[in-house]
């Protein structure tokens, strides 16, 4: 069974960080989605952090403050119908 985790990547043009939903597999591998959670950024090589659970993601993003995309954070905690 795979587990949903999160990866943070930096946008090269804006220097803003975006969250990517990722999957952590039992084999120890982790793969990020092709688009950020806000859909504004495509996958790029290199991570600020990878494969973190929701709590760790929140704490690490909070330390970065406004550098993290607000729309990605909204998607992390938003209610979806």
N, C-alpha and C. Protein backbone atom coordinates (compact mmCIF):
# COMPACT_ATOMS: atom_id res chain seq x y z
N UNK A 1 0.84 -1.18 0.00
CA UNK A 1 0.00 0.00 0.00
C UNK A 1 0.89 1.25 0.00
N UNK A 2 0.56 2.21 -0.82
CA UNK A 2 1.33 3.45 -0.89
C UNK A 2 0.77 4.48 0.09
N UNK A 3 1.61 5.40 0.46
CA UNK A 3 1.25 6.42 1.44
C UNK A 3 1.44 7.80 0.82
N UNK A 4 0.45 8.69 0.99
CA UNK A 4 0.56 10.05 0.45
C UNK A 4 1.44 10.88 1.38
N UNK A 5 2.43 11.52 0.78
CA UNK A 5 3.35 12.41 1.48
C UNK A 5 3.55 13.65 0.60
N UNK A 6 4.42 14.54 1.01
CA UNK A 6 4.57 15.80 0.28
C UNK A 6 6.04 16.13 0.02
N UNK A 7 6.25 16.80 -1.13
CA UNK A 7 7.58 17.23 -1.55
C UNK A 7 7.50 18.72 -1.85
N UNK A 8 8.53 19.47 -1.48
CA UNK A 8 8.58 20.90 -1.73
C UNK A 8 9.68 21.20 -2.73
N UNK A 9 9.31 21.94 -3.79
CA UNK A 9 10.26 22.30 -4.85
C UNK A 9 10.25 23.81 -5.05
N UNK A 10 11.39 24.34 -5.49
CA UNK A 10 11.52 25.78 -5.71
C UNK A 10 11.30 26.11 -7.19
N UNK A 11 10.47 27.12 -7.43
CA UNK A 11 10.23 27.62 -8.79
C UNK A 11 11.42 28.49 -9.19
N UNK A 12 12.07 28.16 -10.28
CA UNK A 12 13.32 28.84 -10.67
C UNK A 12 13.12 30.31 -11.04
N UNK A 13 11.96 30.67 -11.56
CA UNK A 13 11.74 32.07 -11.96
C UNK A 13 11.31 32.96 -10.80
N UNK A 14 10.50 32.42 -9.89
CA UNK A 14 9.93 33.25 -8.83
C UNK A 14 10.60 33.05 -7.46
N UNK A 15 11.41 32.01 -7.33
CA UNK A 15 12.02 31.64 -6.05
C UNK A 15 10.98 31.30 -4.98
N UNK A 16 9.75 31.02 -5.41
CA UNK A 16 8.68 30.61 -4.51
C UNK A 16 8.67 29.09 -4.44
N UNK A 17 8.33 28.55 -3.29
CA UNK A 17 8.27 27.10 -3.12
C UNK A 17 6.85 26.61 -3.35
N UNK A 18 6.75 25.42 -4.00
CA UNK A 18 5.45 24.80 -4.27
C UNK A 18 5.44 23.37 -3.76
N UNK A 19 4.27 22.96 -3.26
CA UNK A 19 4.09 21.60 -2.74
C UNK A 19 3.62 20.66 -3.84
N UNK A 20 4.16 19.47 -3.82
CA UNK A 20 3.76 18.41 -4.73
C UNK A 20 3.30 17.22 -3.90
N UNK A 21 2.11 16.72 -4.22
CA UNK A 21 1.67 15.49 -3.56
C UNK A 21 2.56 14.37 -4.08
N UNK A 22 2.99 13.52 -3.19
CA UNK A 22 3.91 12.45 -3.56
C UNK A 22 3.41 11.14 -2.99
N UNK A 23 4.02 10.06 -3.45
CA UNK A 23 3.66 8.73 -2.97
C UNK A 23 4.92 8.04 -2.46
N UNK A 24 4.84 7.57 -1.24
CA UNK A 24 5.92 6.80 -0.64
C UNK A 24 5.53 5.33 -0.69
N UNK A 25 6.33 4.56 -1.38
CA UNK A 25 6.03 3.14 -1.57
C UNK A 25 6.75 2.28 -0.53
N UNK A 26 6.24 1.08 -0.27
CA UNK A 26 6.88 0.19 0.71
C UNK A 26 8.34 -0.12 0.39
N UNK A 27 8.71 -0.03 -0.89
CA UNK A 27 10.09 -0.31 -1.29
C UNK A 27 11.04 0.81 -0.88
N UNK A 28 10.50 1.90 -0.31
CA UNK A 28 11.33 3.01 0.10
C UNK A 28 11.51 4.08 -0.96
N UNK A 29 10.82 3.94 -2.08
CA UNK A 29 10.91 4.95 -3.13
C UNK A 29 9.83 6.01 -2.92
N UNK A 30 10.07 7.16 -3.50
CA UNK A 30 9.13 8.26 -3.40
C UNK A 30 9.05 8.95 -4.75
N UNK A 31 7.84 9.23 -5.20
CA UNK A 31 7.70 9.93 -6.47
C UNK A 31 6.65 11.03 -6.35
N UNK A 32 7.02 12.21 -6.87
CA UNK A 32 6.16 13.39 -6.80
C UNK A 32 5.28 13.48 -8.05
N UNK A 33 4.12 14.11 -7.89
CA UNK A 33 3.21 14.37 -9.01
C UNK A 33 3.90 15.25 -10.04
N UNK A 34 3.37 15.29 -11.23
CA UNK A 34 3.96 16.09 -12.30
C UNK A 34 3.64 17.57 -12.18
N UNK A 35 2.60 17.93 -11.42
CA UNK A 35 2.23 19.34 -11.20
C UNK A 35 2.10 19.59 -9.71
N UNK A 36 2.38 20.83 -9.33
CA UNK A 36 2.23 21.21 -7.93
C UNK A 36 0.77 21.14 -7.51
N UNK A 37 0.51 21.18 -6.24
CA UNK A 37 -0.84 21.07 -5.72
C UNK A 37 -1.73 22.22 -6.21
N UNK A 38 -1.14 23.39 -6.46
CA UNK A 38 -1.90 24.54 -6.96
C UNK A 38 -1.99 24.54 -8.48
N UNK A 39 -1.31 23.61 -9.13
CA UNK A 39 -1.27 23.46 -10.60
C UNK A 39 -0.50 24.56 -11.31
N UNK A 40 0.25 25.40 -10.57
CA UNK A 40 0.99 26.51 -11.19
C UNK A 40 2.42 26.16 -11.55
N UNK A 41 2.91 25.00 -11.12
CA UNK A 41 4.31 24.65 -11.38
C UNK A 41 4.43 23.22 -11.86
N UNK A 42 5.27 23.02 -12.85
CA UNK A 42 5.58 21.70 -13.36
C UNK A 42 6.70 21.09 -12.52
N UNK A 43 6.79 19.76 -12.52
CA UNK A 43 7.83 19.04 -11.80
C UNK A 43 9.20 19.49 -12.30
N UNK A 44 10.13 19.70 -11.38
CA UNK A 44 11.52 20.02 -11.71
C UNK A 44 12.42 19.16 -10.83
N UNK A 45 13.63 19.00 -11.26
CA UNK A 45 14.61 18.23 -10.50
C UNK A 45 15.04 19.03 -9.27
N UNK A 46 15.26 18.35 -8.18
CA UNK A 46 15.72 19.00 -6.96
C UNK A 46 14.58 19.34 -6.02
N UNK A 47 14.79 19.09 -4.74
CA UNK A 47 13.77 19.32 -3.73
C UNK A 47 14.32 20.11 -2.56
N UNK A 48 13.47 20.92 -1.94
CA UNK A 48 13.80 21.54 -0.65
C UNK A 48 13.67 20.46 0.42
N UNK A 49 12.60 19.65 0.31
CA UNK A 49 12.44 18.44 1.09
C UNK A 49 11.56 17.49 0.33
N UNK A 50 11.61 16.22 0.68
CA UNK A 50 10.83 15.21 -0.04
C UNK A 50 10.22 14.21 0.94
N UNK A 51 9.07 13.70 0.55
CA UNK A 51 8.41 12.59 1.24
C UNK A 51 8.16 12.83 2.73
N UNK A 52 7.64 14.00 3.04
CA UNK A 52 7.32 14.34 4.43
C UNK A 52 5.83 14.15 4.68
N UNK A 53 5.48 13.72 5.89
CA UNK A 53 4.06 13.58 6.22
C UNK A 53 3.45 14.97 6.39
N UNK A 54 2.14 15.02 6.59
CA UNK A 54 1.44 16.30 6.65
C UNK A 54 1.96 17.20 7.78
N UNK A 55 2.20 16.64 8.94
CA UNK A 55 2.67 17.44 10.08
C UNK A 55 4.05 18.03 9.82
N UNK A 56 4.98 17.20 9.34
CA UNK A 56 6.33 17.68 9.05
C UNK A 56 6.30 18.71 7.92
N UNK A 57 5.44 18.48 6.92
CA UNK A 57 5.30 19.43 5.81
C UNK A 57 4.86 20.78 6.35
N UNK A 58 3.84 20.80 7.20
CA UNK A 58 3.35 22.04 7.77
C UNK A 58 4.45 22.76 8.55
N UNK A 59 5.17 22.05 9.41
CA UNK A 59 6.21 22.66 10.22
C UNK A 59 7.33 23.25 9.38
N UNK A 60 7.76 22.51 8.37
CA UNK A 60 8.86 22.99 7.51
C UNK A 60 8.41 24.18 6.66
N UNK A 61 7.17 24.15 6.17
CA UNK A 61 6.65 25.27 5.38
C UNK A 61 6.45 26.50 6.26
N UNK A 62 6.03 26.30 7.50
CA UNK A 62 5.84 27.42 8.43
C UNK A 62 7.17 28.14 8.67
N UNK A 63 8.26 27.40 8.74
CA UNK A 63 9.58 28.02 8.94
C UNK A 63 9.97 28.87 7.74
N UNK A 64 9.55 28.46 6.55
CA UNK A 64 9.86 29.22 5.33
C UNK A 64 8.95 30.42 5.16
N UNK A 65 7.79 30.39 5.79
CA UNK A 65 6.86 31.52 5.75
C UNK A 65 6.28 31.80 4.38
N UNK A 66 6.29 33.08 4.01
CA UNK A 66 5.65 33.54 2.77
C UNK A 66 6.34 33.06 1.50
N UNK A 67 7.49 32.44 1.63
CA UNK A 67 8.18 31.90 0.46
C UNK A 67 7.41 30.71 -0.13
N UNK A 68 6.53 30.10 0.67
CA UNK A 68 5.75 28.94 0.21
C UNK A 68 4.45 29.44 -0.41
N UNK A 69 4.11 28.91 -1.55
CA UNK A 69 2.89 29.28 -2.26
C UNK A 69 1.66 29.12 -1.36
N UNK A 70 0.92 30.20 -1.19
CA UNK A 70 -0.28 30.18 -0.37
C UNK A 70 -1.35 29.26 -0.92
N UNK A 71 -1.42 29.17 -2.25
CA UNK A 71 -2.43 28.29 -2.86
C UNK A 71 -2.10 26.82 -2.62
N UNK A 72 -0.82 26.48 -2.59
CA UNK A 72 -0.43 25.10 -2.27
C UNK A 72 -0.81 24.77 -0.83
N UNK A 73 -0.57 25.72 0.09
CA UNK A 73 -0.93 25.50 1.49
C UNK A 73 -2.44 25.37 1.63
N UNK A 74 -3.17 26.15 0.87
CA UNK A 74 -4.64 26.07 0.89
C UNK A 74 -5.08 24.69 0.42
N UNK A 75 -4.44 24.17 -0.61
CA UNK A 75 -4.76 22.81 -1.11
C UNK A 75 -4.42 21.74 -0.07
N UNK A 76 -3.36 21.96 0.68
CA UNK A 76 -2.97 20.99 1.70
C UNK A 76 -4.05 20.85 2.76
N UNK A 77 -4.67 21.98 3.13
CA UNK A 77 -5.67 21.95 4.20
C UNK A 77 -7.10 22.18 3.75
N UNK A 78 -7.30 22.39 2.45
CA UNK A 78 -8.64 22.67 1.94
C UNK A 78 -9.57 21.48 2.02
N UNK A 79 -10.85 21.78 2.06
CA UNK A 79 -11.88 20.74 2.01
C UNK A 79 -12.31 20.60 0.57
N UNK A 80 -12.27 19.38 0.08
CA UNK A 80 -12.60 19.14 -1.33
C UNK A 80 -13.84 18.27 -1.43
N UNK A 81 -14.77 18.70 -2.25
CA UNK A 81 -16.01 17.92 -2.46
C UNK A 81 -15.85 16.93 -3.58
